[in-house]
Amino acid sequence: AYLFAGPRGIGKTTTARLLAKALLCPERSGPEPCGKCAVCAEAQAGTIVDIVEIDAASNRGIDEIRTLRENVKYAPARGRYKVYIVDEVHQLTAHAFDALLKTLEEPPAHVVFVLATTDPRDVPLTVLSRVQRFDFRPIAPETLVRSLEHILQDEKIPFEAAALPVVVRAAEGSLRDALSLLDTAIAYGGGKLEAATVAQLLGATAPEAVRAFCEALIGYDTPAALEAIDHAAREGEDLGAFVRDAIELLRRVLVLKAAPSTQLAELTATEANALRKLGEAASLDEILYVLKGFVDTDALMRESPHPRVELEMAAVKATRRPVPHALDDVLRRIDEAQARLAQLPAAGAVPAAVQESLLAPVETRPSSRPVAPPPWLPRRHRRPTSSPCGSVWSTK
């Protein structure tokens, strides 16, 4: 028995069908089916009785599993094996899993089970220990873009290259979702694929507008940033979604700036190079400052009665941000200032008196200001006399 686990729409069930077709092909000489015999033709048409597909989401009870256990003992009609494909196996009930355990542990020699699931954590450990597990990964963006380009070129449908990355990001690595979005976008665009139409269909801002807004933020261009916000508001776009798109783009710029060799799974090589070039216009601290400001703004806009004002304030603050100075630059400026101060002469400074001996008193400069007479001295006796310490009053 095999378990195919992975996100939706990445080919688990399709791979299970191809495996079943290869197992049943009597003319197969290698891992691939011949594709010419009658068994392959029936498997391709979906009419062969030896491939049984079960949707566990709608057949999840113990009665359906009991019926399956009764049918596995019958030999295949055409091929060498009888293949049971159980899709969304994690939807089975606990009693159904218990009824399936014995069959999974000791299946008949002519029976092969292929279980598919999008959430292997919901599959009991007793089942996981009896199957061979294969994990499917989301399809890389470059592969999805090439697949969509190939389909559009074969179908002779005009398209804009900038629209494909938008579809791929919305599909999140799922080819099935990408094809569904592609069909919807073509129908919505009147038989052609355009970036603006796809963005409008997905309820998102056009990628060029988000990129221009982020370029204005990083490049200290306040008028351009405010114009981008005004344009989005006039077009009736969701400003909250606009901010989140800008945050996501700035996040990618930050990651590629901090780790240039990083390969983000959701970006093609061309998009990654364009974002690296965008990050060259600012330092890492500046990008971090702008990103942190808009993350806070996103939270404020959700609660504020004036979300556009919050967004415009954040844009102005980001484009008028202080230029950060590196620590080495600050230390260098401090050293230069200290060197200049050391070269200046001490103008008007009077050196303090130095006491050469601890026993000798320190000489002080005589004071020219007279000392007021004591109040108990009679007026006729108040005559000033000179003293080393200044003017004093004599009682003689």
Protein backbone atom coordinates (compact mmCIF):
# COMPACT_ATOMS: atom_id res chain seq x y z
CA ALA A 1 0.00 0.00 0.00
CA TYR A 2 1.18 3.53 -0.79
CA LEU A 3 0.30 6.91 0.69
CA PHE A 4 0.58 10.07 -1.44
CA ALA A 5 0.53 13.16 0.79
CA GLY A 6 0.72 16.80 -0.22
CA PRO A 7 -1.23 20.00 -0.93
CA ARG A 8 -4.23 20.04 -3.22
CA GLY A 9 -3.95 20.14 -6.97
CA ILE A 10 -0.35 19.00 -7.34
CA GLY A 11 -1.01 15.63 -9.01
CA LYS A 12 -1.47 13.02 -6.28
CA THR A 13 -4.52 11.36 -7.85
CA THR A 14 -3.10 11.75 -11.37
CA THR A 15 0.12 10.06 -10.27
CA ALA A 16 -1.91 7.27 -8.68
CA ARG A 17 -3.73 6.71 -11.99
CA LEU A 18 -0.44 6.63 -13.90
CA LEU A 19 0.95 4.11 -11.40
CA ALA A 20 -2.13 1.94 -11.80
CA LYS A 21 -1.88 2.15 -15.58
CA ALA A 22 1.77 1.07 -15.46
CA LEU A 23 1.01 -1.83 -13.10
CA LEU A 24 -1.80 -3.15 -15.31
CA CYS A 25 0.00 -2.82 -18.65
CA PRO A 26 0.90 -6.35 -19.90
CA GLU A 27 3.30 -5.03 -22.58
CA ARG A 28 5.36 -2.88 -20.22
CA SER A 29 9.11 -3.46 -20.43
CA GLY A 30 10.24 -0.58 -18.22
CA PRO A 31 8.70 1.74 -15.65
CA GLU A 32 6.44 3.37 -18.24
CA PRO A 33 3.33 1.74 -19.76
CA CYS A 34 3.36 1.05 -23.47
CA GLY A 35 0.28 3.20 -24.11
CA LYS A 36 -0.74 1.06 -27.12
CA CYS A 37 -2.32 -2.10 -25.74
CA ALA A 38 -6.02 -2.53 -24.97
CA VAL A 39 -5.44 -2.26 -21.22
CA CYS A 40 -3.69 1.09 -21.61
CA ALA A 41 -6.46 2.32 -23.88
CA GLU A 42 -9.14 1.40 -21.36
CA ALA A 43 -7.13 2.90 -18.50
CA GLN A 44 -6.72 6.12 -20.49
CA ALA A 45 -10.46 6.24 -21.17
CA GLY A 46 -11.29 5.46 -17.53
CA THR A 47 -13.38 2.41 -18.36
CA ILE A 48 -11.16 -0.37 -17.02
CA VAL A 49 -12.74 -2.25 -14.14
CA ASP A 50 -9.45 -3.12 -12.42
CA ILE A 51 -8.84 0.49 -11.33
CA VAL A 52 -11.30 1.42 -8.62
CA GLU A 53 -11.40 5.02 -7.36
CA ILE A 54 -13.10 5.75 -4.04
CA ASP A 55 -13.83 9.23 -2.73
CA ALA A 56 -13.39 8.88 1.02
CA ALA A 57 -15.07 12.24 1.60
CA SER A 58 -18.43 10.82 0.51
CA ASN A 59 -17.79 7.13 1.24
CA ARG A 60 -16.31 7.42 4.70
CA GLY A 61 -18.35 4.95 6.71
CA ILE A 62 -17.62 1.45 7.89
CA ASP A 63 -20.18 -0.06 5.49
CA GLU A 64 -18.25 1.16 2.44
CA ILE A 65 -15.00 -0.28 3.82
CA ARG A 66 -16.70 -3.62 4.48
CA THR A 67 -17.83 -3.69 0.84
CA LEU A 68 -14.26 -2.93 -0.25
CA ARG A 69 -12.95 -5.81 1.89
CA GLU A 70 -15.42 -8.17 0.25
CA ASN A 71 -14.38 -7.10 -3.26
CA VAL A 72 -10.60 -7.33 -2.84
CA LYS A 73 -10.69 -11.13 -2.89
CA TYR A 74 -11.78 -11.20 -6.54
CA ALA A 75 -9.05 -11.53 -9.16
CA PRO A 76 -8.47 -8.74 -11.72
CA ALA A 77 -10.42 -8.95 -14.98
CA ARG A 78 -7.85 -7.66 -17.50
CA GLY A 79 -4.54 -6.73 -15.93
CA ARG A 80 -2.16 -8.35 -13.50
CA TYR A 81 -3.28 -6.23 -10.54
CA LYS A 82 -6.37 -4.64 -9.13
CA VAL A 83 -5.63 -1.08 -7.91
CA TYR A 84 -7.76 0.73 -5.36
CA ILE A 85 -7.25 4.52 -5.25
CA VAL A 86 -8.72 6.03 -2.08
CA ASP A 87 -8.77 9.82 -2.38
CA GLU A 88 -8.93 12.08 0.71
CA VAL A 89 -8.37 9.07 2.92
CA HIS A 90 -8.13 11.23 6.05
CA GLN A 91 -11.91 11.75 5.80
CA LEU A 92 -12.62 8.16 6.84
CA THR A 93 -14.14 7.62 10.24
CA ALA A 94 -12.23 5.94 13.06
CA HIS A 95 -14.26 2.74 12.71
CA ALA A 96 -13.63 2.70 8.96
CA PHE A 97 -9.88 2.98 9.56
CA ASP A 98 -10.06 0.10 12.03
CA ALA A 99 -11.87 -2.04 9.47
CA LEU A 100 -9.24 -1.20 6.82
CA LEU A 101 -6.21 -2.04 8.97
CA LYS A 102 -6.22 -5.79 8.47
CA THR A 103 -6.60 -5.50 4.70
CA LEU A 104 -3.73 -2.97 4.51
CA GLU A 105 -1.51 -5.17 6.63
CA GLU A 106 -2.08 -8.39 4.65
CA PRO A 107 -3.56 -7.49 1.23
CA PRO A 108 -4.04 -10.14 -1.44
CA ALA A 109 -1.14 -10.55 -3.84
CA HIS A 110 -3.08 -9.07 -6.75
CA VAL A 111 -4.30 -5.94 -4.88
CA VAL A 112 -2.49 -2.60 -4.60
CA PHE A 113 -3.81 0.25 -2.45
CA VAL A 114 -2.93 3.89 -3.23
CA LEU A 115 -4.14 6.31 -0.56
CA ALA A 116 -4.11 10.06 -1.24
CA THR A 117 -4.51 12.79 1.35
CA THR A 118 -3.96 16.50 1.81
CA ASP A 119 -3.63 16.18 5.60
CA PRO A 120 -1.56 13.18 6.67
CA ARG A 121 -1.71 14.30 10.30
CA ASP A 122 -5.34 13.16 10.43
CA VAL A 123 -4.40 9.64 9.31
CA PRO A 124 -3.98 7.30 12.30
CA LEU A 125 -0.47 6.12 13.11
CA THR A 126 -1.61 2.54 12.79
CA VAL A 127 -2.36 3.21 9.12
CA LEU A 128 0.81 5.22 8.51
CA SER A 129 2.90 2.34 9.82
CA ARG A 130 1.38 -0.01 7.22
CA VAL A 131 1.94 2.11 4.09
CA GLN A 132 4.87 3.48 2.14
CA ARG A 133 4.61 7.26 2.22
CA PHE A 134 5.52 9.68 -0.57
CA ASP A 135 5.33 13.42 0.08
CA PHE A 136 4.44 15.69 -2.83
CA ARG A 137 5.74 19.26 -2.85
CA PRO A 138 4.13 22.40 -4.36
CA ILE A 139 5.17 22.95 -7.95
CA ALA A 140 7.90 25.56 -8.45
CA PRO A 141 6.77 28.91 -9.92
CA GLU A 142 9.13 28.60 -12.89
CA THR A 143 7.63 25.21 -13.77
CA LEU A 144 4.09 26.54 -13.49
CA VAL A 145 4.89 29.55 -15.67
CA ARG A 146 6.43 27.34 -18.35
CA SER A 147 3.41 25.00 -18.25
CA LEU A 148 0.95 27.86 -18.62
CA GLU A 149 2.98 29.43 -21.42
CA HIS A 150 3.03 26.10 -23.25
CA ILE A 151 -0.74 25.73 -22.92
CA LEU A 152 -1.43 29.30 -24.09
CA GLN A 153 0.89 28.95 -27.06
CA ASP A 154 -0.66 25.63 -28.09
CA GLU A 155 -4.14 27.10 -27.83
CA LYS A 156 -3.01 30.27 -29.65
CA ILE A 157 -4.39 32.56 -26.96
CA PRO A 158 -2.81 36.05 -26.75
CA PHE A 159 -1.40 36.79 -23.31
CA GLU A 160 0.79 39.23 -21.39
CA ALA A 161 3.84 37.72 -19.76
CA ALA A 162 3.28 39.88 -16.65
CA ALA A 163 -0.08 38.17 -16.02
CA LEU A 164 1.36 34.69 -15.55
CA PRO A 165 3.24 35.37 -12.27
CA VAL A 166 0.02 36.79 -10.80
CA VAL A 167 -1.86 33.60 -11.65
CA VAL A 168 0.99 31.44 -10.34
CA ARG A 169 1.17 33.25 -7.00
CA ALA A 170 -2.58 32.94 -6.54
CA ALA A 171 -2.39 29.20 -7.32
CA GLU A 172 0.18 28.68 -4.52
CA GLY A 173 1.98 25.83 -6.27
CA SER A 174 -1.16 24.02 -7.46
CA LEU A 175 -1.34 23.27 -11.17
CA ARG A 176 -5.05 22.49 -10.96
CA ASP A 177 -5.79 25.85 -9.34
CA ALA A 178 -3.55 27.60 -11.87
CA LEU A 179 -5.45 26.05 -14.77
CA SER A 180 -8.80 26.96 -13.22
CA LEU A 181 -7.70 30.56 -12.69
CA LEU A 182 -6.29 30.66 -16.21
CA ASP A 183 -9.60 29.54 -17.72
CA THR A 184 -11.54 32.05 -15.65
CA ALA A 185 -9.17 34.91 -16.48
CA ILE A 186 -9.32 34.16 -20.22
CA ALA A 187 -13.12 34.12 -20.14
CA TYR A 188 -13.16 37.31 -18.03
CA GLY A 189 -10.74 39.04 -20.41
CA GLY A 190 -12.69 38.25 -23.56
CA GLY A 191 -10.44 35.55 -24.93
CA LYS A 192 -7.08 37.01 -23.94
CA LEU A 193 -4.98 37.14 -20.78
CA GLU A 194 -3.97 40.57 -19.42
CA ALA A 195 -2.27 41.50 -16.15
CA ALA A 196 -4.80 44.20 -15.27
CA THR A 197 -7.70 41.83 -15.92
CA VAL A 198 -6.18 39.10 -13.76
CA ALA A 199 -5.53 41.54 -10.91
CA GLN A 200 -9.10 42.81 -11.13
CA LEU A 201 -10.42 39.26 -11.16
CA LEU A 202 -8.43 38.33 -8.06
CA GLY A 203 -9.38 41.54 -6.28
CA ALA A 204 -5.76 42.66 -6.07
CA THR A 205 -3.87 45.71 -7.24
CA ALA A 206 -1.94 45.43 -10.46
CA PRO A 207 1.66 44.32 -9.79
CA GLU A 208 3.04 47.36 -11.60
CA ALA A 209 1.13 49.72 -9.31
CA VAL A 210 2.32 47.96 -6.14
CA ARG A 211 5.89 47.95 -7.39
CA ALA A 212 5.73 51.66 -8.28
CA PHE A 213 4.37 52.43 -4.82
CA CYS A 214 7.19 50.52 -3.13
CA GLU A 215 9.77 52.20 -5.34
CA ALA A 216 8.40 55.58 -4.24
CA LEU A 217 8.60 54.56 -0.58
CA ILE A 218 12.19 53.38 -0.84
CA GLY A 219 13.23 56.32 -3.04
CA TYR A 220 11.94 59.10 -0.70
CA ASP A 221 9.36 60.15 -3.33
CA THR A 222 6.44 61.44 -1.28
CA PRO A 223 4.31 62.82 -4.19
CA ALA A 224 4.54 59.53 -6.13
CA ALA A 225 3.58 57.48 -3.06
CA LEU A 226 0.55 59.65 -2.33
CA GLU A 227 -0.45 59.58 -6.01
CA ALA A 228 -0.38 55.76 -5.96
CA ILE A 229 -2.70 55.72 -2.93
CA ASP A 230 -5.05 58.22 -4.58
CA HIS A 231 -5.14 56.19 -7.79
CA ALA A 232 -5.99 53.00 -5.88
CA ALA A 233 -8.78 54.80 -4.00
CA ARG A 234 -10.21 56.33 -7.19
CA GLU A 235 -10.24 52.92 -8.87
CA GLY A 236 -12.29 51.53 -5.99
CA GLU A 237 -9.61 49.10 -4.85
CA ASP A 238 -9.46 47.74 -1.34
CA LEU A 239 -6.80 49.79 0.43
CA GLY A 240 -6.31 47.03 2.97
CA ALA A 241 -5.46 44.57 0.19
CA PHE A 242 -3.25 47.25 -1.39
CA VAL A 243 -1.26 47.57 1.85
CA ARG A 244 -0.93 43.81 2.24
CA ASP A 245 0.36 43.49 -1.33
CA ALA A 246 2.92 46.20 -0.58
CA ILE A 247 3.94 44.44 2.65
CA GLU A 248 4.44 41.17 0.79
CA LEU A 249 6.60 42.85 -1.85
CA LEU A 250 8.67 44.66 0.79
CA ARG A 251 9.10 41.38 2.66
CA ARG A 252 10.58 39.78 -0.42
CA VAL A 253 12.87 42.77 -0.94
CA LEU A 254 14.01 42.52 2.69
CA VAL A 255 14.73 38.79 2.46
CA LEU A 256 16.64 39.13 -0.81
CA LYS A 257 18.55 42.11 0.58
CA ALA A 258 19.53 40.30 3.79
CA ALA A 259 20.33 37.01 2.01
CA PRO A 260 21.02 37.65 -1.70
CA SER A 261 21.53 33.95 -2.47
CA THR A 262 18.10 32.99 -1.13
CA GLN A 263 15.68 31.50 -3.65
CA LEU A 264 12.07 32.29 -2.77
CA ALA A 265 9.73 29.55 -3.92
CA GLU A 266 6.97 31.96 -4.99
CA LEU A 267 9.22 34.01 -7.30
CA THR A 268 10.66 33.31 -10.70
CA ALA A 269 14.30 34.11 -11.38
CA THR A 270 13.37 37.26 -13.31
CA GLU A 271 11.15 38.56 -10.51
CA ALA A 272 13.81 37.84 -7.89
CA ASN A 273 16.45 39.77 -9.85
CA ALA A 274 14.07 42.72 -10.24
CA LEU A 275 13.44 42.81 -6.47
CA ARG A 276 17.16 42.61 -5.72
CA LYS A 277 17.67 45.63 -7.96
CA LEU A 278 14.89 47.46 -6.13
CA GLY A 279 16.58 46.77 -2.79
CA GLU A 280 19.85 48.32 -3.96
CA ALA A 281 18.37 51.82 -3.58
CA ALA A 282 18.22 51.59 0.24
CA SER A 283 20.05 50.03 3.13
CA LEU A 284 18.79 47.02 5.03
CA ASP A 285 17.85 49.18 8.02
CA GLU A 286 15.78 51.50 5.82
CA ILE A 287 13.85 48.63 4.25
CA LEU A 288 13.24 47.18 7.70
CA TYR A 289 12.00 50.59 8.92
CA VAL A 290 9.54 50.94 6.03
CA LEU A 291 8.29 47.35 6.34
CA LYS A 292 7.76 47.64 10.09
CA GLY A 293 5.85 50.88 9.60
CA PHE A 294 3.44 49.33 7.11
CA VAL A 295 2.91 46.21 9.19
CA ASP A 296 1.80 48.49 12.03
CA THR A 297 -0.30 50.52 9.61
CA ASP A 298 -2.11 47.40 8.40
CA ALA A 299 -3.21 46.72 11.98
CA LEU A 300 -4.23 50.35 12.53
CA MET A 301 -6.26 50.49 9.31
CA ARG A 302 -8.40 47.54 10.43
CA GLU A 303 -9.61 49.51 13.46
CA SER A 304 -9.46 53.10 12.25
CA PRO A 305 -12.55 54.90 10.88
CA HIS A 306 -10.19 56.66 8.43
CA PRO A 307 -8.02 53.92 6.88
CA ARG A 308 -6.90 56.10 3.99
CA VAL A 309 -5.54 58.72 6.38
CA GLU A 310 -3.59 56.04 8.23
CA LEU A 311 -2.13 54.82 4.94
CA GLU A 312 -1.18 58.30 3.76
CA MET A 313 0.44 59.10 7.11
CA ALA A 314 2.49 55.93 6.87
CA ALA A 315 3.56 56.77 3.32
CA VAL A 316 4.67 60.27 4.30
CA LYS A 317 6.51 58.93 7.35
CA ALA A 318 8.27 56.31 5.23
CA THR A 319 9.36 58.77 2.55
CA ARG A 320 10.55 61.30 5.17
CA ARG A 321 12.35 58.75 7.30
CA PRO A 322 15.69 59.70 8.90
CA VAL A 323 18.76 58.50 7.11
CA PRO A 324 20.38 55.88 9.34
CA HIS A 325 24.06 56.19 10.12
CA ALA A 326 26.24 53.19 10.63
CA LEU A 327 27.93 52.80 14.01
CA ASP A 328 31.37 53.03 12.43
CA ASP A 329 30.43 56.34 10.83
CA VAL A 330 29.21 57.74 14.16
CA LEU A 331 32.41 56.67 15.94
CA ARG A 332 34.53 58.19 13.18
CA ARG A 333 32.74 61.52 13.54
CA ILE A 334 33.24 61.48 17.31
CA ASP A 335 36.99 60.85 16.86
CA GLU A 336 37.25 63.72 14.37
CA ALA A 337 35.45 66.07 16.75
CA GLN A 338 37.74 65.11 19.64
CA ALA A 339 40.82 65.67 17.46
CA ARG A 340 39.62 69.16 16.48
CA LEU A 341 38.94 70.07 20.11
CA ALA A 342 42.40 68.93 21.13
CA GLN A 343 44.00 71.28 18.57
CA LEU A 344 42.17 74.39 19.82
CA PRO A 345 44.18 76.72 22.21
CA ALA A 346 42.86 77.21 25.73
CA ALA A 347 41.80 80.90 25.32
CA GLY A 348 41.32 82.93 28.54
CA ALA A 349 41.93 80.01 30.84
CA VAL A 350 43.70 80.81 34.14
CA PRO A 351 45.75 77.92 35.48
CA ALA A 352 44.80 76.83 38.93
CA ALA A 353 47.24 77.22 41.79
CA VAL A 354 49.29 74.15 42.55
CA GLN A 355 50.29 73.33 46.11
CA GLU A 356 53.87 72.09 46.01
CA SER A 357 53.92 70.94 49.62
CA LEU A 358 51.23 69.49 51.77
CA LEU A 359 52.42 71.62 54.71
CA ALA A 360 52.68 74.96 52.96
CA PRO A 361 49.44 76.95 52.47
CA VAL A 362 48.32 77.68 48.98
CA GLU A 363 48.78 81.35 47.99
CA THR A 364 45.68 82.99 46.72
CA ARG A 365 45.30 86.13 44.73
CA PRO A 366 44.37 89.26 46.77
CA SER A 367 40.83 90.39 46.36
CA SER A 368 40.20 93.98 45.30
CA ARG A 369 36.68 94.05 46.66
CA PRO A 370 36.38 95.59 50.22
CA VAL A 371 35.01 93.54 53.04
CA ALA A 372 31.89 94.91 54.70
CA PRO A 373 32.41 96.01 58.39
CA PRO A 374 30.78 93.92 61.08
CA PRO A 375 27.52 95.36 62.40
CA TRP A 376 28.74 95.52 66.04
CA LEU A 377 31.64 97.90 65.17
CA PRO A 378 30.94 101.58 66.06
CA ARG A 379 30.71 103.97 63.13
CA ARG A 380 33.65 106.16 64.29
CA HIS A 381 35.99 103.18 64.33
CA ARG A 382 35.17 101.94 60.86
CA ARG A 383 38.48 102.65 59.03
CA PRO A 384 39.62 100.30 56.25
CA THR A 385 43.16 98.93 56.33
CA SER A 386 45.03 96.92 53.77
CA SER A 387 45.68 93.23 54.24
CA PRO A 388 47.11 90.45 52.08
CA CYS A 389 43.58 89.04 51.97
CA GLY A 390 42.01 92.37 50.96
CA SER A 391 40.46 95.35 52.78
CA VAL A 392 39.58 94.80 56.46
CA TRP A 393 38.25 97.10 59.19
CA SER A 394 40.29 98.09 62.21
CA THR A 395 38.90 98.74 65.77
CA LYS A 396 41.61 101.24 66.73
